[in-house]
Protein backbone atom coordinates (compact mmCIF):
# COMPACT_ATOMS: atom_id res chain seq x y z
CA UNK A 1 1.44 15.91 3.93
CA UNK A 2 4.92 16.45 5.45
CA UNK A 3 6.55 14.34 8.15
CA UNK A 4 8.83 16.80 9.94
CA UNK A 5 10.18 14.54 12.67
CA UNK A 6 10.21 10.80 13.29
CA UNK A 7 11.10 9.06 16.57
CA UNK A 8 11.64 5.30 16.68
CA UNK A 9 12.32 3.05 19.65
CA UNK A 10 12.88 -0.71 19.41
CA UNK A 11 11.26 -1.14 16.04
CA UNK A 12 12.69 -4.15 14.19
CA UNK A 13 16.52 -3.67 14.12
CA UNK A 14 16.34 0.06 14.95
CA UNK A 15 17.02 0.52 18.68
CA UNK A 16 16.58 4.27 18.65
CA UNK A 17 16.34 7.06 16.11
CA UNK A 18 15.18 10.67 16.26
CA UNK A 19 15.22 12.23 12.83
CA UNK A 20 14.56 15.80 11.73
CA UNK A 21 13.42 15.32 8.14
CA UNK A 22 13.51 17.37 4.98
CA UNK A 23 10.21 18.50 3.51
CA UNK A 24 11.70 17.60 0.12
CA UNK A 25 13.79 14.47 -0.37
CA UNK A 26 15.14 12.14 2.33
CA UNK A 27 17.74 9.66 1.10
CA UNK A 28 18.80 6.59 3.08
CA UNK A 29 22.01 4.90 1.90
CA UNK A 30 23.36 1.58 3.11
CA UNK A 31 24.02 -2.07 2.30
CA UNK A 32 21.23 -4.64 2.22
CA UNK A 33 19.99 -5.77 5.61
CA UNK A 34 21.14 -2.67 7.47
CA UNK A 35 17.64 -1.27 8.28
CA UNK A 36 16.74 1.05 5.41
CA UNK A 37 13.50 -0.80 4.67
CA UNK A 38 12.69 -0.94 8.39
CA UNK A 39 12.96 2.85 8.56
CA UNK A 40 10.46 3.21 5.69
CA UNK A 41 8.25 0.61 7.37
CA UNK A 42 8.06 2.79 10.50
CA UNK A 43 6.74 5.66 8.33
CA UNK A 44 4.31 3.25 6.67
CA UNK A 45 3.14 1.97 10.10
CA UNK A 46 2.11 5.45 11.17
CA UNK A 47 -0.13 5.73 8.09
CA UNK A 48 -1.75 2.29 8.12
CA UNK A 49 -1.48 1.14 11.77
CA UNK A 50 0.46 -1.93 10.63
CA UNK A 51 3.70 -3.02 9.01
CA UNK A 52 3.97 -3.48 5.28
CA UNK A 53 6.13 -6.58 5.69
CA UNK A 54 5.02 -8.35 8.87
CA UNK A 55 1.36 -8.52 9.90
CA UNK A 56 2.16 -10.02 13.32
CA UNK A 57 2.66 -6.86 15.42
CA UNK A 58 4.72 -8.43 18.18
CA UNK A 59 7.32 -9.59 15.65
CA UNK A 60 8.08 -5.93 14.83
CA UNK A 61 9.47 -5.45 18.34
CA UNK A 62 13.27 -5.52 18.42
CA UNK A 63 14.68 -8.83 19.61
CA UNK A 64 15.06 -9.08 23.39
CA UNK A 65 13.00 -5.95 23.96
CA UNK A 66 9.48 -5.78 25.40
CA UNK A 67 7.95 -2.94 23.40
CA UNK A 68 8.29 -0.61 20.45
CA UNK A 69 7.23 3.01 20.04
CA UNK A 70 6.80 5.22 17.01
CA UNK A 71 6.07 8.98 17.01
CA UNK A 72 5.55 11.18 14.00
CA UNK A 73 5.18 14.97 13.92
CA UNK A 74 3.44 16.10 10.74
CA UNK A 75 2.30 19.17 8.90
CA UNK A 76 -1.06 18.35 7.27
CA UNK A 77 -2.05 21.22 5.02
CA UNK A 78 -0.58 23.72 7.46
CA UNK A 79 -1.97 22.06 10.60
CA UNK A 80 0.47 20.36 13.02
CA UNK A 81 -0.45 16.74 13.86
CA UNK A 82 1.23 14.27 16.22
CA UNK A 83 0.81 10.51 15.84
CA UNK A 84 1.83 7.90 18.39
CA UNK A 85 1.94 4.13 18.19
CA UNK A 86 3.09 1.90 21.02
CA UNK A 87 2.98 -1.87 21.51
CA UNK A 88 4.03 -3.97 24.51
CA UNK A 89 4.30 -7.72 24.22
CA UNK A 90 1.02 -9.50 25.04
CA UNK A 91 -0.84 -6.18 25.25
CA UNK A 92 -3.14 -4.26 22.95
CA UNK A 93 -1.60 -1.81 20.49
CA UNK A 94 -2.12 1.88 21.26
CA UNK A 95 -2.56 4.34 18.42
CA UNK A 96 -3.11 8.04 19.18
CA UNK A 97 -3.61 11.24 17.26
CA UNK A 98 -2.72 14.38 19.21
CA UNK A 99 -2.62 12.28 22.43
CA UNK A 100 -6.21 10.97 21.91
CA UNK A 101 -6.51 7.24 21.32
CA UNK A 102 -8.54 5.97 18.37
CA UNK A 103 -11.57 3.84 19.26
CA UNK A 104 -11.19 2.07 15.91
CA UNK A 105 -7.93 1.86 13.95
CA UNK A 106 -9.93 1.96 10.71
CA UNK A 107 -10.81 5.60 11.51
CA UNK A 108 -7.17 6.54 10.95
CA UNK A 109 -6.78 5.04 7.49
CA UNK A 110 -6.45 7.81 4.92
CA UNK A 111 -5.52 10.54 7.42
CA UNK A 112 -1.85 10.31 6.38
CA UNK A 113 -1.99 9.28 2.70
CA UNK A 114 1.09 7.37 1.67
CA UNK A 115 2.35 5.34 -1.33
CA UNK A 116 5.06 2.72 -0.98
CA UNK A 117 7.00 1.33 -3.97
CA UNK A 118 9.08 -1.71 -2.93
CA UNK A 119 10.47 -5.02 -4.18
CA UNK A 120 7.56 -6.72 -2.42
CA UNK A 121 5.20 -5.22 -5.03
CA UNK A 122 6.24 -8.06 -7.38
CA UNK A 123 3.54 -10.13 -5.65
CA UNK A 124 0.95 -7.95 -7.31
CA UNK A 125 1.96 -9.60 -10.61
CA UNK A 126 3.17 -13.02 -9.44
CA UNK A 127 0.79 -13.62 -6.57
CA UNK A 128 -2.87 -14.58 -6.34
CA UNK A 129 -5.91 -12.38 -6.86
CA UNK A 130 -6.04 -11.56 -3.15
CA UNK A 131 -2.87 -9.44 -3.55
CA UNK A 132 -4.50 -7.36 -6.29
CA UNK A 133 -7.71 -6.95 -4.31
CA UNK A 134 -5.67 -5.70 -1.36
CA UNK A 135 -4.10 -3.11 -3.65
CA UNK A 136 -7.54 -1.88 -4.78
CA UNK A 137 -8.88 -1.83 -1.23
CA UNK A 138 -5.83 0.01 0.12
CA UNK A 139 -6.05 2.81 -2.47
CA UNK A 140 -9.81 3.31 -2.33
CA UNK A 141 -10.08 3.14 1.43
CA UNK A 142 -7.52 5.97 1.79
CA UNK A 143 -10.00 8.48 0.39
CA UNK A 144 -13.40 6.75 0.87
CA UNK A 145 -14.30 5.90 4.48
CA UNK A 146 -17.62 4.42 3.46
CA UNK A 147 -15.80 1.93 1.22
CA UNK A 148 -13.73 0.51 4.05
CA UNK A 149 -16.79 0.21 6.34
CA UNK A 150 -18.76 -1.53 3.57
CA UNK A 151 -15.88 -3.94 2.96
CA UNK A 152 -15.78 -4.81 6.67
CA UNK A 153 -19.55 -5.52 6.63
CA UNK A 154 -19.24 -7.65 3.50
CA UNK A 155 -16.48 -9.71 5.04
CA UNK A 156 -18.53 -10.28 8.19
CA UNK A 157 -21.48 -11.54 6.11
CA UNK A 158 -19.12 -13.73 4.12
CA UNK A 159 -17.66 -15.20 7.32
CA UNK A 160 -21.18 -16.01 8.57
CA UNK A 161 -22.12 -17.77 5.32
CA UNK A 162 -18.89 -19.76 5.38
CA UNK A 163 -19.64 -20.84 8.95
CA UNK A 164 -23.03 -22.19 7.83
CA UNK A 165 -21.37 -24.08 4.98
CA UNK A 166 -18.75 -25.67 7.23
CA UNK A 167 -21.46 -26.74 9.67
CA UNK A 168 -23.37 -28.23 6.70
CA UNK A 169 -26.50 -26.27 7.57
CA UNK A 170 -29.30 -26.90 5.01
CA UNK A 171 -32.00 -24.40 6.02
CA UNK A 172 -32.26 -21.93 3.13
CA UNK A 173 -33.60 -19.03 5.21
CA UNK A 174 -30.42 -18.91 7.26
CA UNK A 175 -28.32 -18.54 4.13
CA UNK A 176 -30.59 -15.91 2.58
CA UNK A 177 -29.99 -13.47 5.47
CA UNK A 178 -26.28 -13.36 4.78
CA UNK A 179 -26.49 -13.70 1.00
CA UNK A 180 -28.74 -10.61 0.81
CA UNK A 181 -26.18 -8.64 2.84
CA UNK A 182 -23.30 -9.89 0.64
CA UNK A 183 -25.22 -8.85 -2.48
CA UNK A 184 -26.00 -5.38 -1.04
CA UNK A 185 -22.49 -4.61 0.19
CA UNK A 186 -20.87 -6.42 -2.72
CA UNK A 187 -22.61 -4.29 -5.32
CA UNK A 188 -21.48 -1.11 -3.55
CA UNK A 189 -17.86 -2.37 -3.44
CA UNK A 190 -18.00 -3.44 -7.12
CA UNK A 191 -19.29 -0.03 -8.18
CA UNK A 192 -16.54 1.76 -6.19
CA UNK A 193 -13.84 -0.44 -7.66
CA UNK A 194 -15.15 0.01 -11.19
CA UNK A 195 -15.42 3.79 -10.87
CA UNK A 196 -11.94 4.00 -9.41
CA UNK A 197 -10.39 1.93 -12.22
CA UNK A 198 -12.06 3.97 -14.90
CA UNK A 199 -10.13 6.98 -13.66
CA UNK A 200 -7.00 5.07 -12.63
CA UNK A 201 -6.20 2.96 -15.69
CA UNK A 202 -5.56 5.81 -18.17
CA UNK A 203 -3.11 7.44 -15.71
CA UNK A 204 -1.33 4.16 -15.16
CA UNK A 205 -0.95 3.67 -18.91
CA UNK A 206 0.33 7.21 -19.27
CA UNK A 207 3.06 6.60 -16.69
CA UNK A 208 4.04 3.26 -18.23
CA UNK A 209 4.24 4.73 -21.69
CA UNK A 210 6.42 7.59 -20.41
CA UNK A 211 8.86 5.29 -18.55
CA UNK A 212 9.08 2.77 -21.43
CA UNK A 213 9.10 5.54 -24.09
CA UNK A 214 6.00 3.96 -25.64
CA UNK A 215 7.73 0.75 -26.56
CA UNK A 216 5.06 -1.54 -25.05
CA UNK A 217 1.30 -1.72 -24.52
CA UNK A 218 -0.06 -2.61 -21.08
CA UNK A 219 -3.57 -3.28 -19.83
CA UNK A 220 -5.49 -3.64 -16.60
CA UNK A 221 -8.80 -5.58 -16.75
CA UNK A 222 -11.18 -5.82 -13.82
CA UNK A 223 -13.16 -9.11 -13.50
CA UNK A 224 -15.97 -9.71 -11.00
CA UNK A 225 -18.81 -12.18 -10.46
CA UNK A 226 -21.14 -9.22 -9.95
CA UNK A 227 -20.70 -8.30 -13.62
CA UNK A 228 -22.70 -11.47 -14.29
CA UNK A 229 -25.78 -10.27 -12.41
CA UNK A 230 -27.51 -10.34 -8.99
CA UNK A 231 -25.06 -11.86 -6.51
CA UNK A 232 -27.79 -13.18 -4.20
CA UNK A 233 -29.17 -15.30 -7.04
CA UNK A 234 -25.71 -16.56 -7.90
CA UNK A 235 -25.04 -17.52 -4.30
CA UNK A 236 -28.33 -19.39 -4.06
CA UNK A 237 -27.54 -21.32 -7.26
CA UNK A 238 -24.17 -22.55 -5.96
CA UNK A 239 -25.25 -23.18 -2.35
CA UNK A 240 -25.18 -26.97 -2.59
CA UNK A 241 -21.78 -27.03 -4.24
CA UNK A 242 -20.40 -24.52 -1.73
CA UNK A 243 -21.63 -26.74 1.11
CA UNK A 244 -19.57 -29.63 -0.26
CA UNK A 245 -16.51 -27.42 -0.69
CA UNK A 246 -16.97 -25.66 2.67
CA UNK A 247 -16.48 -22.12 1.41
CA UNK A 248 -18.15 -19.43 -0.78
CA UNK A 249 -17.21 -19.56 -4.45
CA UNK A 250 -18.97 -16.39 -5.68
CA UNK A 251 -18.65 -12.80 -4.62
CA UNK A 252 -16.44 -9.71 -4.67
CA UNK A 253 -13.88 -11.54 -2.50
CA UNK A 254 -12.94 -13.33 -5.76
CA UNK A 255 -12.57 -10.22 -7.95
CA UNK A 256 -9.33 -9.85 -9.85
CA UNK A 257 -7.33 -7.24 -11.68
CA UNK A 258 -5.74 -8.90 -14.70
CA UNK A 259 -2.37 -7.40 -15.65
CA UNK A 260 -1.41 -7.73 -19.31
CA UNK A 261 1.48 -6.91 -21.61
CA UNK A 262 -0.17 -6.71 -24.99
CA UNK A 263 -2.67 -9.57 -25.07
CA UNK A 264 -0.77 -11.82 -22.67
CA UNK A 265 -0.52 -12.07 -18.86
CA UNK A 266 2.34 -9.95 -17.56
CA UNK A 267 3.44 -12.66 -15.16
CA UNK A 268 3.98 -15.09 -18.04
CA UNK A 269 5.90 -13.01 -20.57
CA UNK A 270 7.11 -9.83 -18.85
CA UNK A 271 10.86 -9.38 -18.40
CA UNK A 272 12.26 -8.24 -15.03
CA UNK A 273 12.56 -4.70 -16.36
CA UNK A 274 8.99 -4.74 -17.79
CA UNK A 275 7.61 -6.10 -14.51
CA UNK A 276 9.42 -3.42 -12.51
CA UNK A 277 8.22 -0.70 -14.92
CA UNK A 278 4.64 -2.00 -14.61
CA UNK A 279 4.78 -1.89 -10.82
CA UNK A 280 6.37 1.55 -10.63
CA UNK A 281 3.74 2.96 -13.06
CA UNK A 282 0.99 1.31 -10.97
CA UNK A 283 2.20 2.95 -7.75
CA UNK A 284 2.85 6.36 -9.32
CA UNK A 285 -0.71 6.28 -10.70
CA UNK A 286 -1.88 5.49 -7.16
CA UNK A 287 0.01 8.55 -5.92
CA UNK A 288 -1.52 10.72 -8.65
CA UNK A 289 -5.02 9.52 -7.82
CA UNK A 290 -4.70 10.18 -4.10
CA UNK A 291 -3.12 13.54 -4.77
CA UNK A 292 -6.11 14.61 -6.88
CA UNK A 293 -8.58 13.40 -4.30
CA UNK A 294 -7.13 14.89 -1.12
CA UNK A 295 -3.88 15.74 0.65
CA UNK A 296 -0.61 15.15 -1.20
CA UNK A 297 0.66 11.71 -0.10
CA UNK A 298 4.12 10.87 1.21
CA UNK A 299 6.04 8.79 -1.33
CA UNK A 300 8.32 5.94 -0.20
CA UNK A 301 10.70 4.48 -2.82
CA UNK A 302 12.48 1.36 -1.52
CA UNK A 303 15.23 0.08 -3.77
CA UNK A 304 13.25 0.78 -6.95
CA UNK A 305 16.13 1.09 -9.44
CA UNK A 306 17.19 -2.55 -9.37
CA UNK A 307 16.41 -4.51 -12.60
CA UNK A 308 15.88 -1.37 -14.68
CA UNK A 309 17.99 -0.17 -17.58
CA UNK A 310 19.58 3.29 -17.56
CA UNK A 311 16.90 4.82 -19.82
CA UNK A 312 14.03 3.72 -17.60
CA UNK A 313 15.85 4.86 -14.48
CA UNK A 314 16.34 8.26 -16.05
CA UNK A 315 12.63 8.59 -16.91
CA UNK A 316 11.58 7.61 -13.37
CA UNK A 317 14.01 10.12 -11.88
CA UNK A 318 12.49 12.86 -14.06
CA UNK A 319 9.01 11.86 -12.92
CA UNK A 320 9.61 11.83 -9.19
CA UNK A 321 11.70 14.98 -9.44
CA UNK A 322 8.70 16.92 -10.81
CA UNK A 323 6.48 19.37 -9.04
CA UNK A 324 3.56 16.93 -8.77
CA UNK A 325 5.38 15.00 -6.02
CA UNK A 326 5.87 16.25 -2.43
CA UNK A 327 7.94 14.71 0.35
CA UNK A 328 9.89 11.66 -0.79
CA UNK A 329 11.81 8.94 1.11
CA UNK A 330 14.29 6.94 -1.01
CA UNK A 331 16.57 4.03 -0.15
CA UNK A 332 19.41 2.60 -2.24
CA UNK A 333 22.68 0.75 -1.88
CA UNK A 334 24.37 2.90 -4.51
CA UNK A 335 24.49 6.64 -4.18
CA UNK A 336 24.56 7.27 -7.94
CA UNK A 337 20.79 7.49 -8.49
CA UNK A 338 20.23 9.46 -5.31
CA UNK A 339 22.66 12.12 -6.47
CA UNK A 340 20.96 12.26 -9.85
CA UNK A 341 17.53 12.87 -8.29
CA UNK A 342 18.90 15.50 -5.94
CA UNK A 343 20.68 17.27 -8.82
CA UNK A 344 17.53 17.34 -10.96
CA UNK A 345 15.20 18.70 -8.30
CA UNK A 346 17.40 21.42 -6.84
CA UNK A 347 15.19 21.08 -3.77
CA UNK A 348 16.12 20.65 -0.13
CA UNK A 349 17.22 17.21 0.90
CA UNK A 350 18.74 15.20 3.74
CA UNK A 351 21.11 12.30 3.22
CA UNK A 352 21.39 9.56 5.86
CA UNK A 353 23.70 6.59 6.29
CA UNK A 354 22.14 3.40 7.71
CA UNK A 355 24.33 0.77 9.33
CA UNK A 356 22.99 -2.09 11.51
CA UNK A 357 19.99 -0.08 12.56
CA UNK A 358 21.95 3.08 13.30
CA UNK A 359 20.82 6.06 11.25
CA UNK A 360 23.15 9.06 10.99
CA UNK A 361 22.69 12.19 8.90
CA UNK A 362 25.42 13.18 6.44
CA UNK A 363 25.27 16.91 7.08
CA UNK A 364 28.12 17.78 4.72
CA UNK A 365 25.99 16.78 1.74
CA UNK A 366 22.58 18.04 2.87
CA UNK A 367 20.86 21.27 1.91
C-alpha cells in the first residue's frame, strides 16, 4: 500500500497541507508540539476512520474552524484508490472511497493496513487489560472482517446483560438469551485471538532478540475466562454476584495479554530502554503479520528513538531499512537518525520540515 498524495484542511493544528509523498521514506523533522504527530494522525485517520490520540471527532477540528477534511490518493497493489473524510461540527462524519460513502465505517477497516509506533504505546505495558485487548482487536480486525463483526455482536450482548444487572432483573430466562450469545461469540473471538498469538509471539520474540542482541528473554501470555470452560455456565454461576456489582465479571471482555521480562511483569521491572524495545518489537511483529496476510501496510514511526541506546537504535534502523518494509513515515526532532536510515536504504525519500502546523518539503535533500 502506497499513499502517493495527502491533502489536509483544518485538522488539529494543520490549517492546510497538500503533500506529494515518496513511495519509500517520508521524514518529518521539527521540534515537539509543531504538528509532526498530527500529520501522522491524519494518515492514521484515513486507515481507521478515527484519530489515534483523540476519540472525540469534533476535537480534531482546528480551533476556531467549523470542519476538517482529509483526502488520500493511494496505490493499492497497482490499483488507484481515493479516500475522503470530512467532518463538520454537530454533523455526522462522512467517509468515502472513490467518492462512494460507506454505509458502515467498520467495512473500511483493513482496506488500508497500517501500523503506528508511537510514545503512546507505553500504555500497552503500563495500562489496564483493555489497552492490550484493543491491540489484539485492532490487528486481527485488519485482516479478518468476521472477527470485527463477531466482536460487535458480543459487545451488544454484553451491554444487554449489563442492563439487566443494573435493573436488578431476577428472571433467569432473560439472562440466558444474552449469555448464550456471549458464549457463542466469545468462543469464536477466543479462538481467533489464540490462533493469532500462536503465529505472532515467535515473530515478536525474534524481533526483540534481534534489537536487544539476545540479552533478555521476553514473553507474551494470553489469559481468558474461556480457557476455564463453557462461558454460559460460568456466567450463570456468577449471576447473583454480578447483579450486586452491576456489571459482568466473566467473558472475553476481561481477556489479557501478560507482558513479561523473564518471569516478571515488564511494567514492574523493565527499564525505559527495555520497555521501548518491547513495544517496537511488538509493533514490528504486527507489521510482519499483516504483511504476510495481505497488502503491505504503511508504517508510521513517531519519535521512536527516544530512551534507546545507540546499539538498539542501530538495530532498529537496520530492520526498518530492510526489503520487508514498504512505505515509511518517520518523525524526529533530531535529524541524525533520519539521515542514518536514509543512508542505509539508498531508496527514494522526501524530507519535510514541520513548524507550527506548516509543512514544507526540503527539496535540496530529497531524492
